[in-house]
């Protein structure tokens, strides 16, 4: 998370942002290195007080995969 703290100083540690921002993090179960980093990032952001939804799916990183996440995310954006 040091990268994000350097790129966006004070944003992730701002309690106001944590109350109004929800994050969806997704990755493939077979994307070994990326999956571990996605899980670490989601855990750190959650530790900072943000609501984090983490999804794992099978398959490749392509259009249908993105559409699935978008289909799941869109209704949650307006709750």
PDB file of N, CA and C in Angstrom:
ATOM      1  N   UNK A   1       0.813  -1.181   0.000  1.00  0.00           N
ATOM      2  CA  UNK A   1       0.000   0.000   0.000  1.00  0.00           C
ATOM      3  C   UNK A   1       0.861   1.252   0.000  1.00  0.00           C
ATOM      4  N   UNK A   2       2.149   1.116   0.198  1.00  0.00           N
ATOM      5  CA  UNK A   2       3.017   2.294   0.159  1.00  0.00           C
ATOM      6  C   UNK A   2       2.892   3.019  -1.170  1.00  0.00           C
ATOM      7  N   UNK A   3       2.744   2.264  -2.250  1.00  0.00           N
ATOM      8  CA  UNK A   3       2.599   2.867  -3.578  1.00  0.00           C
ATOM      9  C   UNK A   3       1.408   3.815  -3.603  1.00  0.00           C
ATOM     10  N   UNK A   4       0.261   3.358  -3.109  1.00  0.00           N
ATOM     11  CA  UNK A   4      -0.943   4.185  -3.123  1.00  0.00           C
ATOM     12  C   UNK A   4      -0.813   5.371  -2.169  1.00  0.00           C
ATOM     13  N   UNK A   5      -0.165   5.170  -1.038  1.00  0.00           N
ATOM     14  CA  UNK A   5       0.043   6.276  -0.107  1.00  0.00           C
ATOM     15  C   UNK A   5       0.931   7.358  -0.724  1.00  0.00           C
ATOM     16  N   UNK A   6       1.907   6.943  -1.513  1.00  0.00           N
ATOM     17  CA  UNK A   6       2.772   7.929  -2.191  1.00  0.00           C
ATOM     18  C   UNK A   6       2.030   8.611  -3.340  1.00  0.00           C
ATOM     19  N   UNK A   7       1.261   7.845  -4.102  1.00  0.00           N
ATOM     20  CA  UNK A   7       0.541   8.403  -5.247  1.00  0.00           C
ATOM     21  C   UNK A   7      -0.615   9.311  -4.816  1.00  0.00           C
ATOM     22  N   UNK A   8      -1.285   8.942  -3.742  1.00  0.00           N
ATOM     23  CA  UNK A   8      -2.472   9.665  -3.289  1.00  0.00           C
ATOM     24  C   UNK A   8      -2.362   9.929  -1.787  1.00  0.00           C
ATOM     25  N   UNK A   9      -1.464  10.840  -1.394  1.00  0.00           N
ATOM     26  CA  UNK A   9      -1.224  11.075   0.036  1.00  0.00           C
ATOM     27  C   UNK A   9      -2.499  11.453   0.783  1.00  0.00           C
ATOM     28  N   UNK A  10      -2.754  10.768   1.886  1.00  0.00           N
ATOM     29  CA  UNK A  10      -3.877  11.075   2.754  1.00  0.00           C
ATOM     30  C   UNK A  10      -5.226  10.544   2.310  1.00  0.00           C
ATOM     31  N   UNK A  11      -5.332  10.003   1.105  1.00  0.00           N
ATOM     32  CA  UNK A  11      -6.638   9.563   0.600  1.00  0.00           C
ATOM     33  C   UNK A  11      -7.123   8.317   1.325  1.00  0.00           C
ATOM     34  N   UNK A  12      -6.299   7.276   1.389  1.00  0.00           N
ATOM     35  CA  UNK A  12      -6.735   6.024   2.014  1.00  0.00           C
ATOM     36  C   UNK A  12      -6.882   6.138   3.523  1.00  0.00           C
ATOM     37  N   UNK A  13      -6.169   7.057   4.143  1.00  0.00           N
ATOM     38  CA  UNK A  13      -6.265   7.210   5.596  1.00  0.00           C
ATOM     39  C   UNK A  13      -7.342   8.212   6.000  1.00  0.00           C
ATOM     40  N   UNK A  14      -8.071   8.776   5.040  1.00  0.00           N
ATOM     41  CA  UNK A  14      -9.118   9.744   5.319  1.00  0.00           C
ATOM     42  C   UNK A  14     -10.403   9.011   5.719  1.00  0.00           C
ATOM     43  N   UNK A  15     -10.832   9.185   6.963  1.00  0.00           N
ATOM     44  CA  UNK A  15     -12.010   8.470   7.471  1.00  0.00           C
ATOM     45  C   UNK A  15     -13.274   8.818   6.689  1.00  0.00           C
ATOM     46  N   UNK A  16     -13.364  10.025   6.171  1.00  0.00           N
ATOM     47  CA  UNK A  16     -14.537  10.414   5.377  1.00  0.00           C
ATOM     48  C   UNK A  16     -14.621   9.578   4.114  1.00  0.00           C
ATOM     49  N   UNK A  17     -13.502   9.353   3.457  1.00  0.00           N
ATOM     50  CA  UNK A  17     -13.485   8.516   2.258  1.00  0.00           C
ATOM     51  C   UNK A  17     -13.903   7.092   2.589  1.00  0.00           C
ATOM     52  N   UNK A  18     -13.432   6.581   3.710  1.00  0.00           N
ATOM     53  CA  UNK A  18     -13.749   5.204   4.096  1.00  0.00           C
ATOM     54  C   UNK A  18     -15.250   5.013   4.321  1.00  0.00           C
ATOM     55  N   UNK A  19     -15.945   6.070   4.715  1.00  0.00           N
ATOM     56  CA  UNK A  19     -17.387   5.966   4.956  1.00  0.00           C
ATOM     57  C   UNK A  19     -18.196   6.029   3.671  1.00  0.00           C
ATOM     58  N   UNK A  20     -17.648   6.612   2.627  1.00  0.00           N
ATOM     59  CA  UNK A  20     -18.453   6.804   1.416  1.00  0.00           C
ATOM     60  C   UNK A  20     -17.985   6.002   0.210  1.00  0.00           C
ATOM     61  N   UNK A  21     -16.902   5.280   0.329  1.00  0.00           N
ATOM     62  CA  UNK A  21     -16.351   4.526  -0.796  1.00  0.00           C
ATOM     63  C   UNK A  21     -16.432   3.041  -0.504  1.00  0.00           C
ATOM     64  N   UNK A  22     -16.929   2.277  -1.476  1.00  0.00           N
ATOM     65  CA  UNK A  22     -16.927   0.819  -1.402  1.00  0.00           C
ATOM     66  C   UNK A  22     -16.041   0.321  -2.531  1.00  0.00           C
ATOM     67  N   UNK A  23     -15.314  -0.737  -2.272  1.00  0.00           N
ATOM     68  CA  UNK A  23     -14.397  -1.258  -3.271  1.00  0.00           C
ATOM     69  C   UNK A  23     -14.728  -2.699  -3.620  1.00  0.00           C
ATOM     70  N   UNK A  24     -14.655  -3.000  -4.893  1.00  0.00           N
ATOM     71  CA  UNK A  24     -14.779  -4.372  -5.364  1.00  0.00           C
ATOM     72  C   UNK A  24     -13.424  -4.773  -5.925  1.00  0.00           C
ATOM     73  N   UNK A  25     -12.856  -5.803  -5.368  1.00  0.00           N
ATOM     74  CA  UNK A  25     -11.578  -6.326  -5.841  1.00  0.00           C
ATOM     75  C   UNK A  25     -11.847  -7.735  -6.340  1.00  0.00           C
ATOM     76  N   UNK A  26     -11.404  -8.031  -7.542  1.00  0.00           N
ATOM     77  CA  UNK A  26     -11.618  -9.359  -8.086  1.00  0.00           C
ATOM     78  C   UNK A  26     -10.367  -9.872  -8.767  1.00  0.00           C
ATOM     79  N   UNK A  27     -10.239 -11.172  -8.770  1.00  0.00           N
ATOM     80  CA  UNK A  27      -9.109 -11.794  -9.456  1.00  0.00           C
ATOM     81  C   UNK A  27      -9.446 -13.250  -9.715  1.00  0.00           C
ATOM     82  N   UNK A  28      -8.662 -13.847 -10.588  1.00  0.00           N
ATOM     83  CA  UNK A  28      -8.849 -15.265 -10.918  1.00  0.00           C
ATOM     84  C   UNK A  28      -8.149 -16.127  -9.885  1.00  0.00           C
ATOM     85  N   UNK A  29      -8.713 -17.259  -9.620  1.00  0.00           N
ATOM     86  CA  UNK A  29      -8.074 -18.175  -8.674  1.00  0.00           C
ATOM     87  C   UNK A  29      -6.783 -18.747  -9.248  1.00  0.00           C
ATOM     88  N   UNK A  30      -6.664 -18.797 -10.581  1.00  0.00           N
ATOM     89  CA  UNK A  30      -5.460 -19.367 -11.183  1.00  0.00           C
ATOM     90  C   UNK A  30      -4.414 -18.301 -11.540  1.00  0.00           C
ATOM     91  N   UNK A  31      -4.594 -17.082 -11.100  1.00  0.00           N
ATOM     92  CA  UNK A  31      -3.613 -16.013 -11.326  1.00  0.00           C
ATOM     93  C   UNK A  31      -2.769 -15.886 -10.058  1.00  0.00           C
ATOM     94  N   UNK A  32      -1.898 -16.822  -9.840  1.00  0.00           N
ATOM     95  CA  UNK A  32      -1.216 -17.009  -8.561  1.00  0.00           C
ATOM     96  C   UNK A  32      -0.605 -15.729  -8.001  1.00  0.00           C
ATOM     97  N   UNK A  33       0.285 -15.069  -8.720  1.00  0.00           N
ATOM     98  CA  UNK A  33       0.943 -13.879  -8.194  1.00  0.00           C
ATOM     99  C   UNK A  33      -0.026 -12.720  -8.054  1.00  0.00           C
ATOM    100  N   UNK A  34      -0.836 -12.511  -9.048  1.00  0.00           N
ATOM    101  CA  UNK A  34      -1.794 -11.408  -8.998  1.00  0.00           C
ATOM    102  C   UNK A  34      -2.821 -11.642  -7.900  1.00  0.00           C
ATOM    103  N   UNK A  35      -3.258 -12.873  -7.717  1.00  0.00           N
ATOM    104  CA  UNK A  35      -4.247 -13.177  -6.695  1.00  0.00           C
ATOM    105  C   UNK A  35      -3.710 -12.846  -5.308  1.00  0.00           C
ATOM    106  N   UNK A  36      -2.497 -13.222  -5.026  1.00  0.00           N
ATOM    107  CA  UNK A  36      -1.906 -12.935  -3.718  1.00  0.00           C
ATOM    108  C   UNK A  36      -1.835 -11.428  -3.484  1.00  0.00           C
ATOM    109  N   UNK A  37      -1.453 -10.667  -4.487  1.00  0.00           N
ATOM    110  CA  UNK A  37      -1.379  -9.211  -4.357  1.00  0.00           C
ATOM    111  C   UNK A  37      -2.774  -8.613  -4.199  1.00  0.00           C
ATOM    112  N   UNK A  38      -3.751  -9.125  -4.930  1.00  0.00           N
ATOM    113  CA  UNK A  38      -5.129  -8.634  -4.804  1.00  0.00           C
ATOM    114  C   UNK A  38      -5.675  -8.896  -3.404  1.00  0.00           C
ATOM    115  N   UNK A  39      -5.388 -10.067  -2.873  1.00  0.00           N
ATOM    116  CA  UNK A  39      -5.841 -10.398  -1.519  1.00  0.00           C
ATOM    117  C   UNK A  39      -5.168  -9.498  -0.484  1.00  0.00           C
ATOM    118  N   UNK A  40      -3.870  -9.250  -0.646  1.00  0.00           N
ATOM    119  CA  UNK A  40      -3.147  -8.380   0.269  1.00  0.00           C
ATOM    120  C   UNK A  40      -3.694  -6.959   0.217  1.00  0.00           C
ATOM    121  N   UNK A  41      -3.933  -6.451  -1.000  1.00  0.00           N
ATOM    122  CA  UNK A  41      -4.451  -5.103  -1.173  1.00  0.00           C
ATOM    123  C   UNK A  41      -5.847  -4.982  -0.549  1.00  0.00           C
ATOM    124  N   UNK A  42      -6.715  -5.957  -0.794  1.00  0.00           N
ATOM    125  CA  UNK A  42      -8.063  -5.925  -0.234  1.00  0.00           C
ATOM    126  C   UNK A  42      -8.025  -5.942   1.297  1.00  0.00           C
ATOM    127  N   UNK A  43      -7.165  -6.756   1.870  1.00  0.00           N
ATOM    128  CA  UNK A  43      -7.055  -6.840   3.332  1.00  0.00           C
ATOM    129  C   UNK A  43      -6.559  -5.522   3.917  1.00  0.00           C
ATOM    130  N   UNK A  44      -5.590  -4.902   3.285  1.00  0.00           N
ATOM    131  CA  UNK A  44      -5.052  -3.635   3.783  1.00  0.00           C
ATOM    132  C   UNK A  44      -6.085  -2.522   3.690  1.00  0.00           C
ATOM    133  N   UNK A  45      -6.807  -2.461   2.592  1.00  0.00           N
ATOM    134  CA  UNK A  45      -7.822  -1.422   2.442  1.00  0.00           C
ATOM    135  C   UNK A  45      -8.946  -1.645   3.452  1.00  0.00           C
ATOM    136  N   UNK A  46      -9.318  -2.886   3.677  1.00  0.00           N
ATOM    137  CA  UNK A  46     -10.344  -3.204   4.673  1.00  0.00           C
ATOM    138  C   UNK A  46      -9.860  -2.811   6.066  1.00  0.00           C
ATOM    139  N   UNK A  47      -8.592  -3.071   6.357  1.00  0.00           N
ATOM    140  CA  UNK A  47      -8.012  -2.699   7.654  1.00  0.00           C
ATOM    141  C   UNK A  47      -8.121  -1.196   7.887  1.00  0.00           C
ATOM    142  N   UNK A  48      -8.086  -0.424   6.820  1.00  0.00           N
ATOM    143  CA  UNK A  48      -8.173   1.033   6.937  1.00  0.00           C
ATOM    144  C   UNK A  48      -9.614   1.528   7.053  1.00  0.00           C
ATOM    145  N   UNK A  49     -10.573   0.599   7.102  1.00  0.00           N
ATOM    146  CA  UNK A  49     -11.947   0.990   7.369  1.00  0.00           C
ATOM    147  C   UNK A  49     -12.882   1.019   6.181  1.00  0.00           C
ATOM    148  N   UNK A  50     -12.395   0.655   5.015  1.00  0.00           N
ATOM    149  CA  UNK A  50     -13.236   0.641   3.819  1.00  0.00           C
ATOM    150  C   UNK A  50     -14.021  -0.654   3.735  1.00  0.00           C
ATOM    151  N   UNK A  51     -15.201  -0.584   3.112  1.00  0.00           N
ATOM    152  CA  UNK A  51     -15.958  -1.798   2.830  1.00  0.00           C
ATOM    153  C   UNK A  51     -15.379  -2.403   1.557  1.00  0.00           C
ATOM    154  N   UNK A  52     -14.945  -3.630   1.632  1.00  0.00           N
ATOM    155  CA  UNK A  52     -14.309  -4.297   0.499  1.00  0.00           C
ATOM    156  C   UNK A  52     -15.064  -5.577   0.170  1.00  0.00           C
ATOM    157  N   UNK A  53     -15.438  -5.721  -1.076  1.00  0.00           N
ATOM    158  CA  UNK A  53     -16.040  -6.952  -1.574  1.00  0.00           C
ATOM    159  C   UNK A  53     -14.976  -7.637  -2.418  1.00  0.00           C
ATOM    160  N   UNK A  54     -14.614  -8.860  -2.072  1.00  0.00           N
ATOM    161  CA  UNK A  54     -13.563  -9.572  -2.796  1.00  0.00           C
ATOM    162  C   UNK A  54     -14.162 -10.782  -3.492  1.00  0.00           C
ATOM    163  N   UNK A  55     -13.974 -10.873  -4.786  1.00  0.00           N
ATOM    164  CA  UNK A  55     -14.491 -11.997  -5.575  1.00  0.00           C
ATOM    165  C   UNK A  55     -13.345 -12.742  -6.236  1.00  0.00           C
ATOM    166  N   UNK A  56     -13.460 -14.059  -6.236  1.00  0.00           N
ATOM    167  CA  UNK A  56     -12.539 -14.899  -6.989  1.00  0.00           C
ATOM    168  C   UNK A  56     -13.352 -15.692  -7.995  1.00  0.00           C
ATOM    169  N   UNK A  57     -12.835 -15.786  -9.207  1.00  0.00           N
ATOM    170  CA  UNK A  57     -13.527 -16.543 -10.241  1.00  0.00           C
ATOM    171  C   UNK A  57     -12.538 -17.428 -10.974  1.00  0.00           C
ATOM    172  N   UNK A  58     -13.067 -18.383 -11.673  1.00  0.00           N
ATOM    173  CA  UNK A  58     -12.267 -19.224 -12.564  1.00  0.00           C
ATOM    174  C   UNK A  58     -12.260 -18.575 -13.942  1.00  0.00           C
ATOM    175  N   UNK A  59     -11.297 -18.909 -14.744  1.00  0.00           N
ATOM    176  CA  UNK A  59     -11.291 -18.427 -16.125  1.00  0.00           C
ATOM    177  C   UNK A  59     -10.169 -17.458 -16.408  1.00  0.00           C
ATOM    178  N   UNK A  60     -10.255 -16.834 -17.563  1.00  0.00           N
ATOM    179  CA  UNK A  60      -9.219 -15.914 -18.003  1.00  0.00           C
ATOM    180  C   UNK A  60      -9.696 -14.475 -17.865  1.00  0.00           C
ATOM    181  N   UNK A  61      -8.743 -13.565 -17.909  1.00  0.00           N
ATOM    182  CA  UNK A  61      -9.041 -12.139 -17.790  1.00  0.00           C
ATOM    183  C   UNK A  61      -9.452 -11.635 -19.172  1.00  0.00           C
ATOM    184  N   UNK A  62     -10.763 -11.562 -19.410  1.00  0.00           N
ATOM    185  CA  UNK A  62     -11.264 -11.172 -20.721  1.00  0.00           C
ATOM    186  C   UNK A  62     -12.605 -10.455 -20.575  1.00  0.00           C
ATOM    187  N   UNK A  63     -13.240 -10.153 -21.688  1.00  0.00           N
ATOM    188  CA  UNK A  63     -14.494  -9.415 -21.686  1.00  0.00           C
ATOM    189  C   UNK A  63     -15.602 -10.058 -20.880  1.00  0.00           C
ATOM    190  N   UNK A  64     -15.893 -11.351 -21.073  1.00  0.00           N
ATOM    191  CA  UNK A  64     -16.953 -11.975 -20.287  1.00  0.00           C
ATOM    192  C   UNK A  64     -16.682 -11.932 -18.778  1.00  0.00           C
ATOM    193  N   UNK A  65     -15.436 -12.076 -18.407  1.00  0.00           N
ATOM    194  CA  UNK A  65     -15.046 -12.011 -17.005  1.00  0.00           C
ATOM    195  C   UNK A  65     -15.349 -10.626 -16.450  1.00  0.00           C
ATOM    196  N   UNK A  66     -14.971  -9.583 -17.184  1.00  0.00           N
ATOM    197  CA  UNK A  66     -15.242  -8.207 -16.766  1.00  0.00           C
ATOM    198  C   UNK A  66     -16.751  -7.959 -16.674  1.00  0.00           C
ATOM    199  N   UNK A  67     -17.500  -8.416 -17.652  1.00  0.00           N
ATOM    200  CA  UNK A  67     -18.958  -8.209 -17.644  1.00  0.00           C
ATOM    201  C   UNK A  67     -19.603  -8.865 -16.429  1.00  0.00           C
ATOM    202  N   UNK A  68     -19.082 -10.020 -16.037  1.00  0.00           N
ATOM    203  CA  UNK A  68     -19.625 -10.683 -14.843  1.00  0.00           C
ATOM    204  C   UNK A  68     -19.437  -9.795 -13.619  1.00  0.00           C
ATOM    205  N   UNK A  69     -18.224  -9.277 -13.447  1.00  0.00           N
ATOM    206  CA  UNK A  69     -17.974  -8.394 -12.311  1.00  0.00           C
ATOM    207  C   UNK A  69     -18.816  -7.134 -12.392  1.00  0.00           C
ATOM    208  N   UNK A  70     -18.924  -6.558 -13.571  1.00  0.00           N
ATOM    209  CA  UNK A  70     -19.735  -5.352 -13.735  1.00  0.00           C
ATOM    210  C   UNK A  70     -21.188  -5.648 -13.381  1.00  0.00           C
ATOM    211  N   UNK A  71     -21.689  -6.795 -13.804  1.00  0.00           N
ATOM    212  CA  UNK A  71     -23.056  -7.193 -13.501  1.00  0.00           C
ATOM    213  C   UNK A  71     -23.268  -7.333 -11.984  1.00  0.00           C
ATOM    214  N   UNK A  72     -22.267  -7.794 -11.272  1.00  0.00           N
ATOM    215  CA  UNK A  72     -22.367  -7.935  -9.821  1.00  0.00           C
ATOM    216  C   UNK A  72     -22.176  -6.600  -9.114  1.00  0.00           C
ATOM    217  N   UNK A  73     -21.313  -5.738  -9.666  1.00  0.00           N
ATOM    218  CA  UNK A  73     -20.967  -4.478  -9.019  1.00  0.00           C
ATOM    219  C   UNK A  73     -22.028  -3.404  -9.202  1.00  0.00           C
ATOM    220  N   UNK A  74     -22.592  -3.280 -10.387  1.00  0.00           N
ATOM    221  CA  UNK A  74     -23.507  -2.173 -10.678  1.00  0.00           C
ATOM    222  C   UNK A  74     -24.640  -2.044  -9.656  1.00  0.00           C
ATOM    223  N   UNK A  75     -25.366  -3.110  -9.305  1.00  0.00           N
ATOM    224  CA  UNK A  75     -26.431  -2.949  -8.308  1.00  0.00           C
ATOM    225  C   UNK A  75     -25.913  -2.517  -6.938  1.00  0.00           C
ATOM    226  N   UNK A  76     -24.701  -2.933  -6.587  1.00  0.00           N
ATOM    227  CA  UNK A  76     -24.139  -2.595  -5.268  1.00  0.00           C
ATOM    228  C   UNK A  76     -23.741  -1.130  -5.197  1.00  0.00           C
ATOM    229  N   UNK A  77     -23.475  -0.521  -6.349  1.00  0.00           N
ATOM    230  CA  UNK A  77     -23.058   0.881  -6.356  1.00  0.00           C
ATOM    231  C   UNK A  77     -24.180   1.801  -5.895  1.00  0.00           C
ATOM    232  N   UNK A  78     -25.398   1.374  -6.020  1.00  0.00           N
ATOM    233  CA  UNK A  78     -26.529   2.248  -5.730  1.00  0.00           C
ATOM    234  C   UNK A  78     -27.326   1.812  -4.507  1.00  0.00           C
ATOM    235  N   UNK A  79     -26.755   0.969  -3.670  1.00  0.00           N
ATOM    236  CA  UNK A  79     -27.435   0.538  -2.450  1.00  0.00           C
ATOM    237  C   UNK A  79     -27.273   1.596  -1.371  1.00  0.00           C
TER     238      UNK A  79
END
